[in-house]
Amino acid sequence: QAVKDGLIKESDIDVSITRLMTARFEL
């Protein structure tokens, strides 16, 4: 909903997802 309302962009979330997925792969 925050993306739909223009409070954040998907590309901003992608930064966090990249760090999260990197950690999961490293584990």
PDB file of all heavy atoms in Angstrom:
ATOM      1  N   GLN A   1       0.831  -1.207   0.000  1.00  0.00           N
ATOM      2  CA  GLN A   1       0.000   0.000   0.000  1.00  0.00           C
ATOM      3  C   GLN A   1       0.867   1.259   0.000  1.00  0.00           C
ATOM      4  O   GLN A   1       0.522   2.258  -0.621  1.00  0.00           O
ATOM      5  CB  GLN A   1      -0.947   0.007   1.199  1.00  0.00           C
ATOM      6  CG  GLN A   1      -2.012   1.089   1.119  1.00  0.00           C
ATOM      7  CD  GLN A   1      -2.903   0.943  -0.106  1.00  0.00           C
ATOM      8  OE1 GLN A   1      -3.413  -0.138  -0.390  1.00  0.00           O
ATOM      9  NE2 GLN A   1      -3.085   2.023  -0.858  1.00  0.00           N
ATOM     10  N   ALA A   2       2.001   1.208   0.676  1.00  0.00           N
ATOM     11  CA  ALA A   2       2.911   2.358   0.694  1.00  0.00           C
ATOM     12  C   ALA A   2       3.425   2.664  -0.712  1.00  0.00           C
ATOM     13  O   ALA A   2       3.552   3.836  -1.093  1.00  0.00           O
ATOM     14  CB  ALA A   2       4.072   2.098   1.649  1.00  0.00           C
ATOM     15  N   VAL A   3       3.676   1.629  -1.513  1.00  0.00           N
ATOM     16  CA  VAL A   3       4.087   1.821  -2.911  1.00  0.00           C
ATOM     17  C   VAL A   3       2.927   2.426  -3.700  1.00  0.00           C
ATOM     18  O   VAL A   3       3.103   3.408  -4.429  1.00  0.00           O
ATOM     19  CB  VAL A   3       4.555   0.495  -3.556  1.00  0.00           C
ATOM     20  CG1 VAL A   3       4.730   0.653  -5.069  1.00  0.00           C
ATOM     21  CG2 VAL A   3       5.857   0.021  -2.921  1.00  0.00           C
ATOM     22  N   LYS A   4       1.743   1.864  -3.547  1.00  0.00           N
ATOM     23  CA  LYS A   4       0.560   2.369  -4.263  1.00  0.00           C
ATOM     24  C   LYS A   4       0.285   3.832  -3.935  1.00  0.00           C
ATOM     25  O   LYS A   4      -0.145   4.596  -4.793  1.00  0.00           O
ATOM     26  CB  LYS A   4      -0.674   1.525  -3.928  1.00  0.00           C
ATOM     27  CG  LYS A   4      -0.641   0.142  -4.527  1.00  0.00           C
ATOM     28  CD  LYS A   4      -1.873  -0.672  -4.122  1.00  0.00           C
ATOM     29  CE  LYS A   4      -1.802  -2.080  -4.704  1.00  0.00           C
ATOM     30  NZ  LYS A   4      -2.923  -2.926  -4.255  1.00  0.00           N
ATOM     31  N   ASP A   5       0.548   4.217  -2.681  1.00  0.00           N
ATOM     32  CA  ASP A   5       0.302   5.595  -2.248  1.00  0.00           C
ATOM     33  C   ASP A   5       1.470   6.533  -2.541  1.00  0.00           C
ATOM     34  O   ASP A   5       1.421   7.714  -2.198  1.00  0.00           O
ATOM     35  CB  ASP A   5      -0.012   5.626  -0.756  1.00  0.00           C
ATOM     36  CG  ASP A   5      -1.351   4.993  -0.431  1.00  0.00           C
ATOM     37  OD1 ASP A   5      -2.118   4.664  -1.365  1.00  0.00           O
ATOM     38  OD2 ASP A   5      -1.643   4.826   0.777  1.00  0.00           O
ATOM     39  N   GLY A   6       2.534   6.006  -3.156  1.00  0.00           N
ATOM     40  CA  GLY A   6       3.671   6.842  -3.526  1.00  0.00           C
ATOM     41  C   GLY A   6       4.590   7.211  -2.379  1.00  0.00           C
ATOM     42  O   GLY A   6       5.388   8.137  -2.502  1.00  0.00           O
ATOM     43  N   LEU A   7       4.517   6.483  -1.279  1.00  0.00           N
ATOM     44  CA  LEU A   7       5.381   6.769  -0.139  1.00  0.00           C
ATOM     45  C   LEU A   7       6.781   6.186  -0.310  1.00  0.00           C
ATOM     46  O   LEU A   7       7.732   6.645   0.333  1.00  0.00           O
ATOM     47  CB  LEU A   7       4.760   6.211   1.146  1.00  0.00           C
ATOM     48  CG  LEU A   7       3.387   6.756   1.514  1.00  0.00           C
ATOM     49  CD1 LEU A   7       2.821   5.999   2.713  1.00  0.00           C
ATOM     50  CD2 LEU A   7       3.465   8.248   1.807  1.00  0.00           C
ATOM     51  N   ILE A   8       6.880   5.181  -1.164  1.00  0.00           N
ATOM     52  CA  ILE A   8       8.141   4.493  -1.412  1.00  0.00           C
ATOM     53  C   ILE A   8       8.060   3.864  -2.800  1.00  0.00           C
ATOM     54  O   ILE A   8       6.969   3.538  -3.267  1.00  0.00           O
ATOM     55  CB  ILE A   8       8.412   3.423  -0.315  1.00  0.00           C
ATOM     56  CG1 ILE A   8       9.833   2.871  -0.401  1.00  0.00           C
ATOM     57  CG2 ILE A   8       7.354   2.338  -0.315  1.00  0.00           C
ATOM     58  CD1 ILE A   8      10.227   2.018   0.802  1.00  0.00           C
ATOM     59  N   LYS A   9       9.212   3.709  -3.442  1.00  0.00           N
ATOM     60  CA  LYS A   9       9.246   3.076  -4.760  1.00  0.00           C
ATOM     61  C   LYS A   9       9.687   1.620  -4.619  1.00  0.00           C
ATOM     62  O   LYS A   9      10.409   1.261  -3.690  1.00  0.00           O
ATOM     63  CB  LYS A   9      10.226   3.809  -5.675  1.00  0.00           C
ATOM     64  CG  LYS A   9       9.831   5.262  -5.964  1.00  0.00           C
ATOM     65  CD  LYS A   9      10.835   5.937  -6.858  1.00  0.00           C
ATOM     66  CE  LYS A   9      12.091   6.157  -6.050  1.00  0.00           C
ATOM     67  NZ  LYS A   9      13.048   7.071  -6.574  1.00  0.00           N
ATOM     68  N   GLU A  10       9.257   0.803  -5.568  1.00  0.00           N
ATOM     69  CA  GLU A  10       9.681  -0.600  -5.556  1.00  0.00           C
ATOM     70  C   GLU A  10      11.201  -0.701  -5.590  1.00  0.00           C
ATOM     71  O   GLU A  10      11.781  -1.581  -4.950  1.00  0.00           O
ATOM     72  CB  GLU A  10       9.075  -1.361  -6.733  1.00  0.00           C
ATOM     73  CG  GLU A  10       7.612  -1.680  -6.553  1.00  0.00           C
ATOM     74  CD  GLU A  10       7.053  -2.535  -7.670  1.00  0.00           C
ATOM     75  OE1 GLU A  10       7.724  -3.526  -8.050  1.00  0.00           O
ATOM     76  OE2 GLU A  10       5.960  -2.220  -8.155  1.00  0.00           O
ATOM     77  N   SER A  11      11.844   0.189  -6.317  1.00  0.00           N
ATOM     78  CA  SER A  11      13.308   0.153  -6.400  1.00  0.00           C
ATOM     79  C   SER A  11      13.953   0.405  -5.038  1.00  0.00           C
ATOM     80  O   SER A  11      15.046  -0.101  -4.760  1.00  0.00           O
ATOM     81  CB  SER A  11      13.809   1.163  -7.439  1.00  0.00           C
ATOM     82  OG  SER A  11      13.407   2.478  -7.088  1.00  0.00           O
ATOM     83  N   ASP A  12      13.288   1.177  -4.166  1.00  0.00           N
ATOM     84  CA  ASP A  12      13.800   1.378  -2.806  1.00  0.00           C
ATOM     85  C   ASP A  12      13.708   0.084  -2.007  1.00  0.00           C
ATOM     86  O   ASP A  12      14.614  -0.258  -1.242  1.00  0.00           O
ATOM     87  CB  ASP A  12      12.995   2.469  -2.083  1.00  0.00           C
ATOM     88  CG  ASP A  12      13.119   3.835  -2.737  1.00  0.00           C
ATOM     89  OD1 ASP A  12      14.227   4.189  -3.188  1.00  0.00           O
ATOM     90  OD2 ASP A  12      12.103   4.548  -2.805  1.00  0.00           O
ATOM     91  N   ILE A  13      12.606  -0.635  -2.190  1.00  0.00           N
ATOM     92  CA  ILE A  13      12.417  -1.906  -1.503  1.00  0.00           C
ATOM     93  C   ILE A  13      13.414  -2.943  -2.027  1.00  0.00           C
ATOM     94  O   ILE A  13      13.911  -3.782  -1.271  1.00  0.00           O
ATOM     95  CB  ILE A  13      10.961  -2.395  -1.653  1.00  0.00           C
ATOM     96  CG1 ILE A  13      10.006  -1.385  -1.004  1.00  0.00           C
ATOM     97  CG2 ILE A  13      10.779  -3.775  -1.039  1.00  0.00           C
ATOM     98  CD1 ILE A  13       8.538  -1.624  -1.307  1.00  0.00           C
ATOM     99  N   ASP A  14      13.729  -2.863  -3.315  1.00  0.00           N
ATOM    100  CA  ASP A  14      14.688  -3.792  -3.924  1.00  0.00           C
ATOM    101  C   ASP A  14      16.045  -3.764  -3.224  1.00  0.00           C
ATOM    102  O   ASP A  14      16.734  -4.781  -3.137  1.00  0.00           O
ATOM    103  CB  ASP A  14      14.882  -3.489  -5.411  1.00  0.00           C
ATOM    104  CG  ASP A  14      13.681  -3.877  -6.258  1.00  0.00           C
ATOM    105  OD1 ASP A  14      12.810  -4.629  -5.764  1.00  0.00           O
ATOM    106  OD2 ASP A  14      13.611  -3.410  -7.415  1.00  0.00           O
ATOM    107  N   VAL A  15      16.438  -2.596  -2.711  1.00  0.00           N
ATOM    108  CA  VAL A  15      17.720  -2.484  -2.002  1.00  0.00           C
ATOM    109  C   VAL A  15      17.707  -3.407  -0.780  1.00  0.00           C
ATOM    110  O   VAL A  15      18.643  -4.169  -0.546  1.00  0.00           O
ATOM    111  CB  VAL A  15      17.994  -1.021  -1.589  1.00  0.00           C
ATOM    112  CG1 VAL A  15      19.240  -0.920  -0.713  1.00  0.00           C
ATOM    113  CG2 VAL A  15      18.135  -0.135  -2.821  1.00  0.00           C
ATOM    114  N   SER A  16      16.609  -3.342  -0.026  1.00  0.00           N
ATOM    115  CA  SER A  16      16.492  -4.201   1.157  1.00  0.00           C
ATOM    116  C   SER A  16      16.349  -5.669   0.770  1.00  0.00           C
ATOM    117  O   SER A  16      16.934  -6.548   1.418  1.00  0.00           O
ATOM    118  CB  SER A  16      15.290  -3.777   2.010  1.00  0.00           C
ATOM    119  OG  SER A  16      15.564  -2.557   2.652  1.00  0.00           O
ATOM    120  N   ILE A  17      15.592  -5.943  -0.272  1.00  0.00           N
ATOM    121  CA  ILE A  17      15.413  -7.332  -0.714  1.00  0.00           C
ATOM    122  C   ILE A  17      16.750  -7.927  -1.154  1.00  0.00           C
ATOM    123  O   ILE A  17      17.047  -9.086  -0.854  1.00  0.00           O
ATOM    124  CB  ILE A  17      14.366  -7.426  -1.837  1.00  0.00           C
ATOM    125  CG1 ILE A  17      12.978  -7.131  -1.258  1.00  0.00           C
ATOM    126  CG2 ILE A  17      14.391  -8.785  -2.506  1.00  0.00           C
ATOM    127  CD1 ILE A  17      11.878  -7.017  -2.291  1.00  0.00           C
ATOM    128  N   THR A  18      17.556  -7.136  -1.820  1.00  0.00           N
ATOM    129  CA  THR A  18      18.875  -7.614  -2.252  1.00  0.00           C
ATOM    130  C   THR A  18      19.725  -7.992  -1.048  1.00  0.00           C
ATOM    131  O   THR A  18      20.360  -9.054  -1.030  1.00  0.00           O
ATOM    132  CB  THR A  18      19.581  -6.555  -3.124  1.00  0.00           C
ATOM    133  OG1 THR A  18      18.790  -6.309  -4.271  1.00  0.00           O
ATOM    134  CG2 THR A  18      20.973  -6.997  -3.522  1.00  0.00           C
ATOM    135  N   ARG A  19      19.733  -7.146  -0.020  1.00  0.00           N
ATOM    136  CA  ARG A  19      20.517  -7.470   1.187  1.00  0.00           C
ATOM    137  C   ARG A  19      19.950  -8.712   1.873  1.00  0.00           C
ATOM    138  O   ARG A  19      20.705  -9.570   2.344  1.00  0.00           O
ATOM    139  CB  ARG A  19      20.538  -6.279   2.142  1.00  0.00           C
ATOM    140  CG  ARG A  19      21.434  -5.144   1.668  1.00  0.00           C
ATOM    141  CD  ARG A  19      21.688  -4.108   2.739  1.00  0.00           C
ATOM    142  NE  ARG A  19      20.581  -3.225   2.977  1.00  0.00           N
ATOM    143  CZ  ARG A  19      20.534  -1.938   2.625  1.00  0.00           C
ATOM    144  NH1 ARG A  19      21.555  -1.384   1.989  1.00  0.00           N
ATOM    145  NH2 ARG A  19      19.485  -1.210   2.911  1.00  0.00           N
ATOM    146  N   LEU A  20      18.631  -8.818   1.941  1.00  0.00           N
ATOM    147  CA  LEU A  20      17.990  -9.965   2.577  1.00  0.00           C
ATOM    148  C   LEU A  20      18.298 -11.259   1.828  1.00  0.00           C
ATOM    149  O   LEU A  20      18.688 -12.263   2.430  1.00  0.00           O
ATOM    150  CB  LEU A  20      16.478  -9.761   2.661  1.00  0.00           C
ATOM    151  CG  LEU A  20      15.661 -10.945   3.180  1.00  0.00           C
ATOM    152  CD1 LEU A  20      16.066 -11.305   4.598  1.00  0.00           C
ATOM    153  CD2 LEU A  20      14.184 -10.637   3.097  1.00  0.00           C
ATOM    154  N   MET A  21      18.135 -11.239   0.526  1.00  0.00           N
ATOM    155  CA  MET A  21      18.380 -12.448  -0.259  1.00  0.00           C
ATOM    156  C   MET A  21      19.865 -12.825  -0.259  1.00  0.00           C
ATOM    157  O   MET A  21      20.205 -14.005  -0.242  1.00  0.00           O
ATOM    158  CB  MET A  21      17.843 -12.292  -1.682  1.00  0.00           C
ATOM    159  CG  MET A  21      16.322 -12.154  -1.747  1.00  0.00           C
ATOM    160  SD  MET A  21      15.422 -13.468  -0.883  1.00  0.00           S
ATOM    161  CE  MET A  21      15.825 -14.878  -1.899  1.00  0.00           C
ATOM    162  N   THR A  22      20.736 -11.839  -0.254  1.00  0.00           N
ATOM    163  CA  THR A  22      22.171 -12.118  -0.155  1.00  0.00           C
ATOM    164  C   THR A  22      22.458 -12.876   1.140  1.00  0.00           C
ATOM    165  O   THR A  22      23.179 -13.884   1.132  1.00  0.00           O
ATOM    166  CB  THR A  22      22.991 -10.812  -0.211  1.00  0.00           C
ATOM    167  OG1 THR A  22      22.763 -10.183  -1.475  1.00  0.00           O
ATOM    168  CG2 THR A  22      24.478 -11.070  -0.019  1.00  0.00           C
ATOM    169  N   ALA A  23      21.884 -12.411   2.236  1.00  0.00           N
ATOM    170  CA  ALA A  23      22.081 -13.079   3.527  1.00  0.00           C
ATOM    171  C   ALA A  23      21.537 -14.506   3.489  1.00  0.00           C
ATOM    172  O   ALA A  23      22.174 -15.438   3.990  1.00  0.00           O
ATOM    173  CB  ALA A  23      21.404 -12.285   4.640  1.00  0.00           C
ATOM    174  N   ARG A  24      20.374 -14.688   2.892  1.00  0.00           N
ATOM    175  CA  ARG A  24      19.776 -16.021   2.837  1.00  0.00           C
ATOM    176  C   ARG A  24      20.623 -16.972   1.988  1.00  0.00           C
ATOM    177  O   ARG A  24      20.792 -18.137   2.349  1.00  0.00           O
ATOM    178  CB  ARG A  24      18.352 -15.929   2.293  1.00  0.00           C
ATOM    179  CG  ARG A  24      17.421 -15.196   3.288  1.00  0.00           C
ATOM    180  CD  ARG A  24      16.008 -15.202   2.846  1.00  0.00           C
ATOM    181  NE  ARG A  24      15.493 -16.565   3.039  1.00  0.00           N
ATOM    182  CZ  ARG A  24      14.315 -16.957   2.627  1.00  0.00           C
ATOM    183  NH1 ARG A  24      13.505 -16.128   2.011  1.00  0.00           N
ATOM    184  NH2 ARG A  24      13.919 -18.202   2.829  1.00  0.00           N
ATOM    185  N   PHE A  25      21.162 -16.476   0.872  1.00  0.00           N
ATOM    186  CA  PHE A  25      22.042 -17.317   0.055  1.00  0.00           C
ATOM    187  C   PHE A  25      23.329 -17.637   0.804  1.00  0.00           C
ATOM    188  O   PHE A  25      23.812 -18.768   0.761  1.00  0.00           O
ATOM    189  CB  PHE A  25      22.355 -16.655  -1.293  1.00  0.00           C
ATOM    190  CG  PHE A  25      21.323 -16.927  -2.350  1.00  0.00           C
ATOM    191  CD1 PHE A  25      20.318 -16.011  -2.613  1.00  0.00           C
ATOM    192  CD2 PHE A  25      21.344 -18.105  -3.084  1.00  0.00           C
ATOM    193  CE1 PHE A  25      19.354 -16.266  -3.581  1.00  0.00           C
ATOM    194  CE2 PHE A  25      20.391 -18.375  -4.057  1.00  0.00           C
ATOM    195  CZ  PHE A  25      19.396 -17.448  -4.310  1.00  0.00           C
ATOM    196  N   GLU A  26      23.902 -16.643   1.502  1.00  0.00           N
ATOM    197  CA  GLU A  26      25.127 -16.882   2.268  1.00  0.00           C
ATOM    198  C   GLU A  26      24.918 -17.922   3.365  1.00  0.00           C
ATOM    199  O   GLU A  26      25.829 -18.671   3.705  1.00  0.00           O
ATOM    200  CB  GLU A  26      25.649 -15.575   2.869  1.00  0.00           C
ATOM    201  CG  GLU A  26      26.256 -14.654   1.836  1.00  0.00           C
ATOM    202  CD  GLU A  26      26.665 -13.305   2.398  1.00  0.00           C
ATOM    203  OE1 GLU A  26      26.314 -12.981   3.566  1.00  0.00           O
ATOM    204  OE2 GLU A  26      27.329 -12.547   1.674  1.00  0.00           O
ATOM    205  N   LEU A  27      23.722 -17.966   3.923  1.00  0.00           N
ATOM    206  CA  LEU A  27      23.400 -18.964   4.950  1.00  0.00           C
ATOM    207  C   LEU A  27      23.154 -20.351   4.365  1.00  0.00           C
ATOM    208  O   LEU A  27      23.063 -21.328   5.087  1.00  0.00           O
ATOM    209  CB  LEU A  27      22.159 -18.533   5.738  1.00  0.00           C
ATOM    210  CG  LEU A  27      22.374 -17.436   6.758  1.00  0.00           C
ATOM    211  CD1 LEU A  27      21.045 -16.927   7.285  1.00  0.00           C
ATOM    212  CD2 LEU A  27      23.250 -17.938   7.902  1.00  0.00           C
TER     213      LEU A  27
END
